[in-house]
Amino acid sequence: MKFCSQCGAPVTSRIPEGDNRERYVCGNCGTIHYQNPRIIAGCLPIYNQQVLLCRRAIEPRYGYWTLPAGFMENGESTEDAALRETLEEANANVLIRQLYTVTSIVHVNQVQMIYLAHLPEPEFSSSDESLEVQLFHENEIPWNDLAFETIRNALRFFFEDRQLGTFPLRHIELDISEKGKLITREGTAQ
């Protein structure tokens, strides 16, 4: 950030009085510009024993498979965002069952929330954001062609939990180590 969105004057990066983190602060009007993580909401749609995946028609990760998900908009709840993204990417109407995974993607300042969802009918199609949309049995999942580690985790948890018949809320933290390797920490809500 170079300029204040309130008055247009240059900003500097410093720790404001009473704070403990560097923020962009306007030297003219004094506005402190807080930058917070962006929220991604989506669904893991289930029809019978299959899950619905979309092959991305947009970057990043064009051509790779993912769950329908995207950035939350102002004025909507996380559930509304997950339903909207599923409709936008898969032309599918689903019924949300429960929040399933919450992933803190620390190195890119994002939080992803994936809901388990029921697809009442096998009605879906590609969209401007998806090259194709398809139902997959567990043994058909294109594991090597999944777009994101968060999607791989959600699917892995789902298939493990389905065998147990219980779907606890999963908390995951992804970050990059000092050596540039992805670190994953997992937990469940009690």
N, C-alpha and C. Protein backbone atom coordinates (compact mmCIF):
# COMPACT_ATOMS: atom_id res chain seq x y z
N MET A 1 0.85 -1.17 0.00
CA MET A 1 0.00 0.00 0.00
C MET A 1 0.90 1.23 0.00
N LYS A 2 0.56 2.19 -0.86
CA LYS A 2 1.38 3.40 -0.95
C LYS A 2 0.63 4.66 -0.55
N PHE A 3 -0.71 4.65 -0.77
CA PHE A 3 -1.48 5.86 -0.51
C PHE A 3 -2.72 5.55 0.32
N CYS A 4 -3.13 6.50 1.12
CA CYS A 4 -4.28 6.39 2.00
C CYS A 4 -5.57 6.38 1.16
N SER A 5 -6.45 5.44 1.45
CA SER A 5 -7.73 5.38 0.74
C SER A 5 -8.72 6.42 1.26
N GLN A 6 -8.39 7.08 2.36
CA GLN A 6 -9.26 8.12 2.91
C GLN A 6 -8.97 9.50 2.34
N CYS A 7 -7.65 9.83 2.26
CA CYS A 7 -7.31 11.19 1.82
C CYS A 7 -6.32 11.24 0.65
N GLY A 8 -5.74 10.10 0.28
CA GLY A 8 -4.84 10.05 -0.86
C GLY A 8 -3.38 10.37 -0.55
N ALA A 9 -3.08 10.70 0.69
CA ALA A 9 -1.70 11.01 1.07
C ALA A 9 -0.87 9.72 1.19
N PRO A 10 0.44 9.84 1.12
CA PRO A 10 1.29 8.65 1.28
C PRO A 10 1.14 8.03 2.67
N VAL A 11 1.33 6.71 2.74
CA VAL A 11 1.29 6.01 4.02
C VAL A 11 2.68 5.46 4.33
N THR A 12 2.91 5.19 5.61
CA THR A 12 4.15 4.54 6.04
C THR A 12 3.76 3.30 6.84
N SER A 13 4.68 2.35 6.90
CA SER A 13 4.46 1.13 7.67
C SER A 13 5.13 1.30 9.03
N ARG A 14 4.32 1.20 10.10
CA ARG A 14 4.85 1.33 11.46
C ARG A 14 3.88 0.71 12.44
N ILE A 15 4.32 0.54 13.67
CA ILE A 15 3.45 0.01 14.72
C ILE A 15 2.75 1.21 15.38
N PRO A 16 1.43 1.32 15.21
CA PRO A 16 0.71 2.44 15.83
C PRO A 16 0.71 2.32 17.36
N GLU A 17 0.56 3.43 18.02
CA GLU A 17 0.51 3.45 19.48
C GLU A 17 -0.63 2.55 19.96
N GLY A 18 -0.32 1.69 20.93
CA GLY A 18 -1.31 0.78 21.49
C GLY A 18 -1.51 -0.49 20.69
N ASP A 19 -0.76 -0.67 19.62
CA ASP A 19 -0.88 -1.85 18.77
C ASP A 19 0.39 -2.69 18.94
N ASN A 20 0.43 -3.87 18.33
CA ASN A 20 1.62 -4.71 18.43
C ASN A 20 2.07 -5.24 17.06
N ARG A 21 1.49 -4.72 15.98
CA ARG A 21 1.86 -5.14 14.63
C ARG A 21 2.04 -3.93 13.74
N GLU A 22 2.90 -4.13 12.73
CA GLU A 22 3.06 -3.06 11.75
C GLU A 22 1.79 -2.90 10.94
N ARG A 23 1.40 -1.66 10.73
CA ARG A 23 0.22 -1.33 9.92
C ARG A 23 0.61 -0.18 9.00
N TYR A 24 -0.17 0.00 7.92
CA TYR A 24 0.00 1.18 7.09
C TYR A 24 -0.75 2.31 7.77
N VAL A 25 -0.04 3.42 8.01
CA VAL A 25 -0.63 4.57 8.70
C VAL A 25 -0.44 5.81 7.84
N CYS A 26 -1.51 6.57 7.70
CA CYS A 26 -1.45 7.80 6.93
C CYS A 26 -0.82 8.90 7.78
N GLY A 27 0.22 9.52 7.23
CA GLY A 27 0.87 10.62 7.93
C GLY A 27 0.05 11.90 7.90
N ASN A 28 -0.93 11.99 7.02
CA ASN A 28 -1.76 13.20 6.88
C ASN A 28 -3.00 13.15 7.77
N CYS A 29 -3.84 12.13 7.60
CA CYS A 29 -5.11 12.09 8.35
C CYS A 29 -5.07 11.14 9.54
N GLY A 30 -4.00 10.33 9.66
CA GLY A 30 -3.86 9.43 10.80
C GLY A 30 -4.60 8.11 10.68
N THR A 31 -5.26 7.85 9.56
CA THR A 31 -5.99 6.59 9.40
C THR A 31 -5.03 5.41 9.47
N ILE A 32 -5.42 4.42 10.26
CA ILE A 32 -4.67 3.17 10.34
C ILE A 32 -5.38 2.19 9.41
N HIS A 33 -4.64 1.65 8.47
CA HIS A 33 -5.22 0.72 7.49
C HIS A 33 -4.93 -0.71 7.92
N TYR A 34 -5.97 -1.37 8.43
CA TYR A 34 -5.86 -2.76 8.87
C TYR A 34 -6.05 -3.66 7.66
N GLN A 35 -5.20 -4.63 7.51
CA GLN A 35 -5.33 -5.62 6.45
C GLN A 35 -5.54 -6.97 7.11
N ASN A 36 -6.67 -7.58 6.81
CA ASN A 36 -7.05 -8.81 7.47
C ASN A 36 -7.20 -9.95 6.46
N PRO A 37 -7.16 -11.19 6.94
CA PRO A 37 -7.27 -12.33 6.02
C PRO A 37 -8.58 -12.30 5.24
N ARG A 38 -8.53 -12.87 4.04
CA ARG A 38 -9.71 -13.01 3.19
C ARG A 38 -10.32 -14.38 3.44
N ILE A 39 -11.65 -14.45 3.38
CA ILE A 39 -12.36 -15.69 3.66
C ILE A 39 -12.80 -16.34 2.35
N ILE A 40 -12.50 -17.64 2.24
CA ILE A 40 -12.94 -18.46 1.12
C ILE A 40 -14.00 -19.41 1.68
N ALA A 41 -15.14 -19.49 1.00
CA ALA A 41 -16.20 -20.40 1.44
C ALA A 41 -16.57 -21.31 0.29
N GLY A 42 -16.87 -22.55 0.62
CA GLY A 42 -17.25 -23.50 -0.42
C GLY A 42 -17.94 -24.72 0.15
N CYS A 43 -18.27 -25.64 -0.75
CA CYS A 43 -18.98 -26.85 -0.37
C CYS A 43 -18.25 -28.09 -0.83
N LEU A 44 -18.48 -29.16 -0.09
CA LEU A 44 -18.11 -30.49 -0.50
C LEU A 44 -19.44 -31.19 -0.78
N PRO A 45 -19.93 -31.07 -2.03
CA PRO A 45 -21.24 -31.62 -2.38
C PRO A 45 -21.21 -33.14 -2.51
N ILE A 46 -22.18 -33.80 -1.89
CA ILE A 46 -22.25 -35.25 -1.88
C ILE A 46 -23.57 -35.68 -2.52
N TYR A 47 -23.46 -36.60 -3.47
CA TYR A 47 -24.64 -37.24 -4.06
C TYR A 47 -24.42 -38.73 -3.95
N ASN A 48 -25.29 -39.41 -3.17
CA ASN A 48 -25.11 -40.83 -2.87
C ASN A 48 -23.70 -41.03 -2.33
N GLN A 49 -22.89 -41.84 -2.95
CA GLN A 49 -21.54 -42.10 -2.46
C GLN A 49 -20.48 -41.31 -3.22
N GLN A 50 -20.90 -40.30 -3.98
CA GLN A 50 -19.97 -39.55 -4.82
C GLN A 50 -19.85 -38.10 -4.36
N VAL A 51 -18.72 -37.48 -4.71
CA VAL A 51 -18.50 -36.06 -4.44
C VAL A 51 -18.41 -35.32 -5.77
N LEU A 52 -18.84 -34.06 -5.75
CA LEU A 52 -18.85 -33.24 -6.95
C LEU A 52 -17.60 -32.36 -6.99
N LEU A 53 -16.86 -32.46 -8.09
CA LEU A 53 -15.66 -31.64 -8.28
C LEU A 53 -15.79 -30.83 -9.57
N CYS A 54 -15.09 -29.70 -9.59
CA CYS A 54 -15.07 -28.81 -10.76
C CYS A 54 -13.64 -28.71 -11.27
N ARG A 55 -13.47 -28.74 -12.57
CA ARG A 55 -12.15 -28.52 -13.17
C ARG A 55 -12.06 -27.05 -13.53
N ARG A 56 -11.10 -26.37 -12.95
CA ARG A 56 -11.00 -24.91 -13.01
C ARG A 56 -10.79 -24.38 -14.42
N ALA A 57 -11.57 -23.34 -14.75
CA ALA A 57 -11.42 -22.63 -16.03
C ALA A 57 -10.78 -21.26 -15.80
N ILE A 58 -10.27 -21.05 -14.59
CA ILE A 58 -9.65 -19.77 -14.22
C ILE A 58 -8.35 -20.04 -13.47
N GLU A 59 -7.50 -19.04 -13.47
CA GLU A 59 -6.28 -19.10 -12.67
C GLU A 59 -6.61 -18.65 -11.25
N PRO A 60 -5.89 -19.05 -10.25
CA PRO A 60 -4.74 -19.95 -10.34
C PRO A 60 -5.17 -21.41 -10.51
N ARG A 61 -4.25 -22.20 -11.00
CA ARG A 61 -4.42 -23.65 -11.14
C ARG A 61 -5.46 -24.03 -12.20
N TYR A 62 -5.42 -23.31 -13.31
CA TYR A 62 -6.29 -23.60 -14.45
C TYR A 62 -6.17 -25.08 -14.84
N GLY A 63 -7.31 -25.73 -15.05
CA GLY A 63 -7.31 -27.12 -15.50
C GLY A 63 -7.24 -28.14 -14.39
N TYR A 64 -7.03 -27.72 -13.16
CA TYR A 64 -6.98 -28.65 -12.03
C TYR A 64 -8.35 -28.75 -11.37
N TRP A 65 -8.56 -29.84 -10.66
CA TRP A 65 -9.85 -30.11 -10.02
C TRP A 65 -9.92 -29.51 -8.62
N THR A 66 -11.13 -29.08 -8.26
CA THR A 66 -11.33 -28.45 -6.96
C THR A 66 -12.77 -28.64 -6.52
N LEU A 67 -13.04 -28.34 -5.27
CA LEU A 67 -14.41 -28.22 -4.79
C LEU A 67 -14.90 -26.84 -5.17
N PRO A 68 -16.21 -26.66 -5.36
CA PRO A 68 -16.70 -25.31 -5.65
C PRO A 68 -16.53 -24.41 -4.43
N ALA A 69 -15.72 -23.37 -4.60
CA ALA A 69 -15.42 -22.46 -3.50
C ALA A 69 -14.85 -21.17 -4.05
N GLY A 70 -14.93 -20.10 -3.28
CA GLY A 70 -14.37 -18.84 -3.70
C GLY A 70 -14.47 -17.80 -2.60
N PHE A 71 -14.01 -16.60 -2.91
CA PHE A 71 -13.98 -15.55 -1.91
C PHE A 71 -15.37 -15.08 -1.54
N MET A 72 -15.56 -14.90 -0.25
CA MET A 72 -16.80 -14.38 0.30
C MET A 72 -16.95 -12.91 -0.11
N GLU A 73 -18.18 -12.50 -0.37
CA GLU A 73 -18.47 -11.11 -0.70
C GLU A 73 -18.99 -10.38 0.54
N ASN A 74 -18.86 -9.07 0.55
CA ASN A 74 -19.47 -8.28 1.62
C ASN A 74 -20.98 -8.47 1.58
N GLY A 75 -21.60 -8.48 2.73
CA GLY A 75 -23.06 -8.57 2.81
C GLY A 75 -23.60 -9.99 2.71
N GLU A 76 -22.74 -11.01 2.80
CA GLU A 76 -23.25 -12.37 2.80
C GLU A 76 -22.62 -13.17 3.94
N SER A 77 -23.34 -14.19 4.39
CA SER A 77 -22.81 -15.09 5.42
C SER A 77 -21.88 -16.10 4.75
N THR A 78 -21.14 -16.84 5.56
CA THR A 78 -20.26 -17.86 4.98
C THR A 78 -21.08 -18.94 4.29
N GLU A 79 -22.24 -19.30 4.85
CA GLU A 79 -23.10 -20.29 4.20
C GLU A 79 -23.62 -19.76 2.87
N ASP A 80 -24.06 -18.50 2.86
CA ASP A 80 -24.54 -17.90 1.61
C ASP A 80 -23.43 -17.89 0.56
N ALA A 81 -22.21 -17.58 0.97
CA ALA A 81 -21.08 -17.56 0.04
C ALA A 81 -20.82 -18.95 -0.52
N ALA A 82 -20.86 -19.98 0.33
CA ALA A 82 -20.63 -21.36 -0.11
C ALA A 82 -21.71 -21.79 -1.10
N LEU A 83 -22.96 -21.44 -0.83
CA LEU A 83 -24.05 -21.79 -1.74
C LEU A 83 -23.91 -21.05 -3.07
N ARG A 84 -23.56 -19.76 -3.01
CA ARG A 84 -23.39 -18.96 -4.22
C ARG A 84 -22.26 -19.51 -5.08
N GLU A 85 -21.12 -19.80 -4.46
CA GLU A 85 -19.98 -20.33 -5.21
C GLU A 85 -20.30 -21.68 -5.85
N THR A 86 -21.06 -22.52 -5.16
CA THR A 86 -21.43 -23.82 -5.72
C THR A 86 -22.34 -23.64 -6.92
N LEU A 87 -23.25 -22.68 -6.84
CA LEU A 87 -24.13 -22.39 -7.98
C LEU A 87 -23.33 -21.77 -9.13
N GLU A 88 -22.42 -20.83 -8.82
CA GLU A 88 -21.62 -20.17 -9.86
C GLU A 88 -20.68 -21.13 -10.59
N GLU A 89 -20.04 -22.02 -9.84
CA GLU A 89 -19.01 -22.87 -10.43
C GLU A 89 -19.53 -24.20 -10.97
N ALA A 90 -20.63 -24.70 -10.37
CA ALA A 90 -21.11 -26.03 -10.76
C ALA A 90 -22.57 -26.02 -11.21
N ASN A 91 -23.20 -24.85 -11.22
CA ASN A 91 -24.63 -24.78 -11.54
C ASN A 91 -25.42 -25.81 -10.74
N ALA A 92 -25.05 -25.95 -9.47
CA ALA A 92 -25.67 -26.94 -8.60
C ALA A 92 -26.29 -26.27 -7.38
N ASN A 93 -27.49 -26.69 -7.05
CA ASN A 93 -28.16 -26.25 -5.83
C ASN A 93 -27.99 -27.35 -4.79
N VAL A 94 -27.40 -27.00 -3.67
CA VAL A 94 -27.13 -27.97 -2.61
C VAL A 94 -27.79 -27.53 -1.31
N LEU A 95 -27.88 -28.47 -0.39
CA LEU A 95 -28.38 -28.21 0.96
C LEU A 95 -27.20 -28.38 1.92
N ILE A 96 -26.88 -27.33 2.64
CA ILE A 96 -25.74 -27.40 3.56
C ILE A 96 -26.11 -28.25 4.77
N ARG A 97 -25.20 -29.18 5.11
CA ARG A 97 -25.39 -30.03 6.28
C ARG A 97 -24.67 -29.47 7.50
N GLN A 98 -23.39 -29.11 7.32
CA GLN A 98 -22.61 -28.63 8.47
C GLN A 98 -21.30 -28.04 7.98
N LEU A 99 -20.72 -27.18 8.82
CA LEU A 99 -19.36 -26.70 8.58
C LEU A 99 -18.43 -27.89 8.83
N TYR A 100 -17.50 -28.11 7.92
CA TYR A 100 -16.67 -29.32 8.01
C TYR A 100 -15.19 -29.03 8.21
N THR A 101 -14.60 -28.16 7.39
CA THR A 101 -13.19 -27.82 7.57
C THR A 101 -13.01 -26.31 7.65
N VAL A 102 -12.15 -25.89 8.55
CA VAL A 102 -11.72 -24.50 8.65
C VAL A 102 -10.20 -24.54 8.55
N THR A 103 -9.68 -23.94 7.49
CA THR A 103 -8.25 -23.98 7.24
C THR A 103 -7.68 -22.57 7.27
N SER A 104 -6.72 -22.35 8.16
CA SER A 104 -5.97 -21.09 8.18
C SER A 104 -4.79 -21.27 7.22
N ILE A 105 -4.81 -20.50 6.14
CA ILE A 105 -3.73 -20.57 5.15
C ILE A 105 -2.84 -19.37 5.44
N VAL A 106 -1.99 -19.54 6.42
CA VAL A 106 -1.24 -18.45 7.04
C VAL A 106 -0.37 -17.70 6.04
N HIS A 107 0.34 -18.41 5.18
CA HIS A 107 1.31 -17.77 4.28
C HIS A 107 0.68 -16.90 3.20
N VAL A 108 -0.65 -17.00 2.98
CA VAL A 108 -1.31 -16.14 1.99
C VAL A 108 -2.46 -15.35 2.62
N ASN A 109 -2.54 -15.33 3.95
CA ASN A 109 -3.53 -14.54 4.67
C ASN A 109 -4.96 -14.86 4.25
N GLN A 110 -5.29 -16.15 4.24
CA GLN A 110 -6.64 -16.58 3.89
C GLN A 110 -7.15 -17.59 4.91
N VAL A 111 -8.47 -17.65 5.02
CA VAL A 111 -9.14 -18.67 5.82
C VAL A 111 -10.16 -19.33 4.90
N GLN A 112 -10.11 -20.66 4.80
CA GLN A 112 -11.06 -21.37 3.95
C GLN A 112 -12.02 -22.17 4.83
N MET A 113 -13.31 -22.03 4.52
CA MET A 113 -14.35 -22.75 5.24
C MET A 113 -15.12 -23.61 4.24
N ILE A 114 -15.07 -24.94 4.44
CA ILE A 114 -15.76 -25.86 3.55
C ILE A 114 -16.91 -26.51 4.33
N TYR A 115 -18.08 -26.47 3.71
CA TYR A 115 -19.28 -27.08 4.28
C TYR A 115 -19.58 -28.40 3.61
N LEU A 116 -19.97 -29.41 4.40
CA LEU A 116 -20.53 -30.62 3.81
C LEU A 116 -21.90 -30.25 3.28
N ALA A 117 -22.22 -30.69 2.08
CA ALA A 117 -23.50 -30.34 1.48
C ALA A 117 -24.09 -31.54 0.76
N HIS A 118 -25.40 -31.60 0.76
CA HIS A 118 -26.13 -32.66 0.07
C HIS A 118 -26.59 -32.14 -1.29
N LEU A 119 -26.26 -32.88 -2.34
CA LEU A 119 -26.73 -32.59 -3.69
C LEU A 119 -27.96 -33.47 -3.90
N PRO A 120 -29.18 -32.88 -3.83
CA PRO A 120 -30.40 -33.70 -3.88
C PRO A 120 -30.58 -34.46 -5.19
N GLU A 121 -30.21 -33.87 -6.29
CA GLU A 121 -30.33 -34.49 -7.61
C GLU A 121 -29.00 -34.32 -8.35
N PRO A 122 -28.67 -35.25 -9.24
CA PRO A 122 -27.41 -35.11 -9.98
C PRO A 122 -27.54 -34.09 -11.12
N GLU A 123 -27.89 -32.87 -10.73
CA GLU A 123 -28.08 -31.78 -11.69
C GLU A 123 -26.98 -30.75 -11.49
N PHE A 124 -26.11 -30.62 -12.48
CA PHE A 124 -24.98 -29.70 -12.43
C PHE A 124 -24.44 -29.55 -13.83
N SER A 125 -23.62 -28.54 -14.04
CA SER A 125 -23.00 -28.34 -15.36
C SER A 125 -21.83 -27.38 -15.21
N SER A 126 -21.02 -27.31 -16.24
CA SER A 126 -19.88 -26.38 -16.23
C SER A 126 -20.39 -24.95 -16.32
N SER A 127 -19.48 -24.02 -16.07
CA SER A 127 -19.83 -22.60 -16.06
C SER A 127 -18.64 -21.82 -16.62
N ASP A 128 -18.70 -20.51 -16.53
CA ASP A 128 -17.57 -19.68 -16.95
C ASP A 128 -16.31 -19.98 -16.13
N GLU A 129 -16.50 -20.49 -14.91
CA GLU A 129 -15.38 -20.74 -14.01
C GLU A 129 -14.94 -22.19 -14.00
N SER A 130 -15.68 -23.09 -14.67
CA SER A 130 -15.37 -24.51 -14.65
C SER A 130 -15.37 -25.09 -16.05
N LEU A 131 -14.29 -25.79 -16.40
CA LEU A 131 -14.21 -26.47 -17.69
C LEU A 131 -15.16 -27.66 -17.74
N GLU A 132 -15.24 -28.36 -16.62
CA GLU A 132 -16.18 -29.47 -16.50
C GLU A 132 -16.48 -29.70 -15.02
N VAL A 133 -17.61 -30.35 -14.78
CA VAL A 133 -18.05 -30.67 -13.43
C VAL A 133 -18.45 -32.13 -13.45
N GLN A 134 -18.01 -32.87 -12.42
CA GLN A 134 -18.23 -34.31 -12.46
C GLN A 134 -18.37 -34.89 -11.06
N LEU A 135 -19.18 -35.94 -10.95
CA LEU A 135 -19.28 -36.71 -9.71
C LEU A 135 -18.21 -37.80 -9.72
N PHE A 136 -17.56 -38.01 -8.56
CA PHE A 136 -16.49 -39.00 -8.44
C PHE A 136 -16.75 -39.90 -7.24
N HIS A 137 -16.53 -41.21 -7.45
CA HIS A 137 -16.42 -42.14 -6.33
C HIS A 137 -15.02 -41.96 -5.75
N GLU A 138 -14.82 -42.43 -4.53
CA GLU A 138 -13.52 -42.25 -3.87
C GLU A 138 -12.37 -42.77 -4.72
N ASN A 139 -12.52 -43.93 -5.33
CA ASN A 139 -11.43 -44.51 -6.12
C ASN A 139 -11.21 -43.82 -7.46
N GLU A 140 -12.05 -42.84 -7.79
CA GLU A 140 -11.92 -42.12 -9.06
C GLU A 140 -11.36 -40.70 -8.89
N ILE A 141 -11.18 -40.27 -7.66
CA ILE A 141 -10.71 -38.90 -7.40
C ILE A 141 -9.37 -38.68 -8.11
N PRO A 142 -9.22 -37.59 -8.87
CA PRO A 142 -7.94 -37.30 -9.55
C PRO A 142 -6.95 -36.65 -8.57
N TRP A 143 -6.47 -37.44 -7.62
CA TRP A 143 -5.63 -36.93 -6.53
C TRP A 143 -4.43 -36.13 -7.03
N ASN A 144 -3.81 -36.54 -8.10
CA ASN A 144 -2.63 -35.84 -8.62
C ASN A 144 -2.97 -34.57 -9.37
N ASP A 145 -4.24 -34.36 -9.64
CA ASP A 145 -4.67 -33.18 -10.39
C ASP A 145 -5.57 -32.27 -9.57
N LEU A 146 -5.47 -32.34 -8.23
CA LEU A 146 -6.24 -31.43 -7.39
C LEU A 146 -5.52 -30.09 -7.31
N ALA A 147 -6.31 -29.03 -7.31
CA ALA A 147 -5.75 -27.68 -7.41
C ALA A 147 -5.03 -27.22 -6.14
N PHE A 148 -5.54 -27.58 -4.97
CA PHE A 148 -5.03 -27.00 -3.73
C PHE A 148 -4.92 -28.04 -2.63
N GLU A 149 -3.97 -27.84 -1.75
CA GLU A 149 -3.79 -28.73 -0.59
C GLU A 149 -5.03 -28.72 0.29
N THR A 150 -5.71 -27.60 0.39
CA THR A 150 -6.93 -27.51 1.21
C THR A 150 -8.01 -28.46 0.70
N ILE A 151 -8.11 -28.60 -0.60
CA ILE A 151 -9.10 -29.49 -1.21
C ILE A 151 -8.71 -30.94 -0.97
N ARG A 152 -7.43 -31.24 -1.13
CA ARG A 152 -6.92 -32.59 -0.86
C ARG A 152 -7.23 -32.98 0.59
N ASN A 153 -6.99 -32.06 1.52
CA ASN A 153 -7.27 -32.34 2.93
C ASN A 153 -8.75 -32.60 3.16
N ALA A 154 -9.61 -31.75 2.64
CA ALA A 154 -11.06 -31.90 2.86
C ALA A 154 -11.55 -33.25 2.33
N LEU A 155 -11.09 -33.63 1.14
CA LEU A 155 -11.50 -34.90 0.56
C LEU A 155 -10.95 -36.09 1.36
N ARG A 156 -9.71 -35.99 1.76
CA ARG A 156 -9.10 -37.07 2.55
C ARG A 156 -9.86 -37.26 3.87
N PHE A 157 -10.16 -36.14 4.55
CA PHE A 157 -10.92 -36.21 5.80
C PHE A 157 -12.30 -36.81 5.56
N PHE A 158 -12.96 -36.37 4.49
CA PHE A 158 -14.31 -36.86 4.21
C PHE A 158 -14.32 -38.38 4.04
N PHE A 159 -13.42 -38.90 3.26
CA PHE A 159 -13.42 -40.35 3.02
C PHE A 159 -13.04 -41.12 4.29
N GLU A 160 -12.13 -40.59 5.11
CA GLU A 160 -11.80 -41.22 6.39
C GLU A 160 -13.00 -41.18 7.33
N ASP A 161 -13.63 -40.01 7.43
CA ASP A 161 -14.75 -39.84 8.36
C ASP A 161 -15.98 -40.62 7.92
N ARG A 162 -16.17 -40.76 6.62
CA ARG A 162 -17.32 -41.51 6.12
C ARG A 162 -17.25 -42.96 6.59
N GLN A 163 -16.05 -43.51 6.66
CA GLN A 163 -15.89 -44.89 7.14
C GLN A 163 -16.29 -45.01 8.61
N LEU A 164 -16.05 -43.93 9.38
CA LEU A 164 -16.38 -43.93 10.80
C LEU A 164 -17.82 -43.52 11.07
N GLY A 165 -18.45 -42.90 10.07
CA GLY A 165 -19.83 -42.46 10.23
C GLY A 165 -20.00 -41.20 11.05
N THR A 166 -18.92 -40.46 11.25
CA THR A 166 -18.98 -39.20 12.01
C THR A 166 -18.11 -38.17 11.31
N PHE A 167 -18.57 -36.92 11.33
CA PHE A 167 -17.89 -35.86 10.59
C PHE A 167 -17.59 -34.67 11.52
N PRO A 168 -16.52 -34.78 12.32
CA PRO A 168 -16.19 -33.67 13.24
C PRO A 168 -15.68 -32.45 12.47
N LEU A 169 -15.84 -31.30 13.08
CA LEU A 169 -15.29 -30.07 12.50
C LEU A 169 -13.77 -30.18 12.57
N ARG A 170 -13.13 -30.02 11.43
CA ARG A 170 -11.67 -30.13 11.33
C ARG A 170 -11.06 -28.74 11.26
N HIS A 171 -10.00 -28.55 12.05
CA HIS A 171 -9.22 -27.31 12.01
C HIS A 171 -7.85 -27.64 11.45
N ILE A 172 -7.45 -26.91 10.43
CA ILE A 172 -6.16 -27.16 9.77
C ILE A 172 -5.41 -25.84 9.66
N GLU A 173 -4.11 -25.90 9.83
CA GLU A 173 -3.27 -24.73 9.62
C GLU A 173 -2.22 -25.09 8.58
N LEU A 174 -2.16 -24.30 7.52
CA LEU A 174 -1.14 -24.48 6.49
C LEU A 174 -0.21 -23.27 6.53
N ASP A 175 1.08 -23.53 6.48
CA ASP A 175 2.05 -22.44 6.46
C ASP A 175 3.29 -22.93 5.72
N ILE A 176 4.15 -22.01 5.41
CA ILE A 176 5.40 -22.34 4.72
C ILE A 176 6.53 -22.25 5.73
N SER A 177 7.38 -23.29 5.76
CA SER A 177 8.52 -23.30 6.68
C SER A 177 9.60 -22.35 6.18
N GLU A 178 10.62 -22.17 7.01
CA GLU A 178 11.76 -21.33 6.63
C GLU A 178 12.46 -21.88 5.39
N LYS A 179 12.33 -23.19 5.15
CA LYS A 179 12.96 -23.82 4.00
C LYS A 179 12.02 -23.88 2.79
N GLY A 180 10.84 -23.23 2.90
CA GLY A 180 9.92 -23.17 1.78
C GLY A 180 9.02 -24.39 1.61
N LYS A 181 8.98 -25.26 2.62
CA LYS A 181 8.12 -26.45 2.55
C LYS A 181 6.80 -26.17 3.24
N LEU A 182 5.72 -26.79 2.72
CA LEU A 182 4.39 -26.62 3.30
C LEU A 182 4.30 -27.42 4.59
N ILE A 183 3.84 -26.75 5.65
CA ILE A 183 3.65 -27.39 6.96
C ILE A 183 2.14 -27.47 7.20
N THR A 184 1.67 -28.65 7.62
CA THR A 184 0.25 -28.85 7.90
C THR A 184 0.09 -29.27 9.35
N ARG A 185 -0.79 -28.57 10.08
CA ARG A 185 -1.16 -28.96 11.45
C ARG A 185 -2.66 -29.21 11.44
N GLU A 186 -3.09 -30.31 12.05
CA GLU A 186 -4.50 -30.69 12.02
C GLU A 186 -5.04 -30.86 13.43
N GLY A 187 -6.34 -30.60 13.56
CA GLY A 187 -7.03 -30.82 14.81
C GLY A 187 -8.52 -30.94 14.54
N THR A 188 -9.26 -31.40 15.57
CA THR A 188 -10.71 -31.47 15.46
C THR A 188 -11.32 -30.75 16.63
N ALA A 189 -12.55 -30.28 16.44
CA ALA A 189 -13.29 -29.64 17.54
C ALA A 189 -13.78 -30.74 18.47
N GLN A 190 -13.75 -30.47 19.74
CA GLN A 190 -14.21 -31.45 20.74
C GLN A 190 -15.67 -31.26 21.05
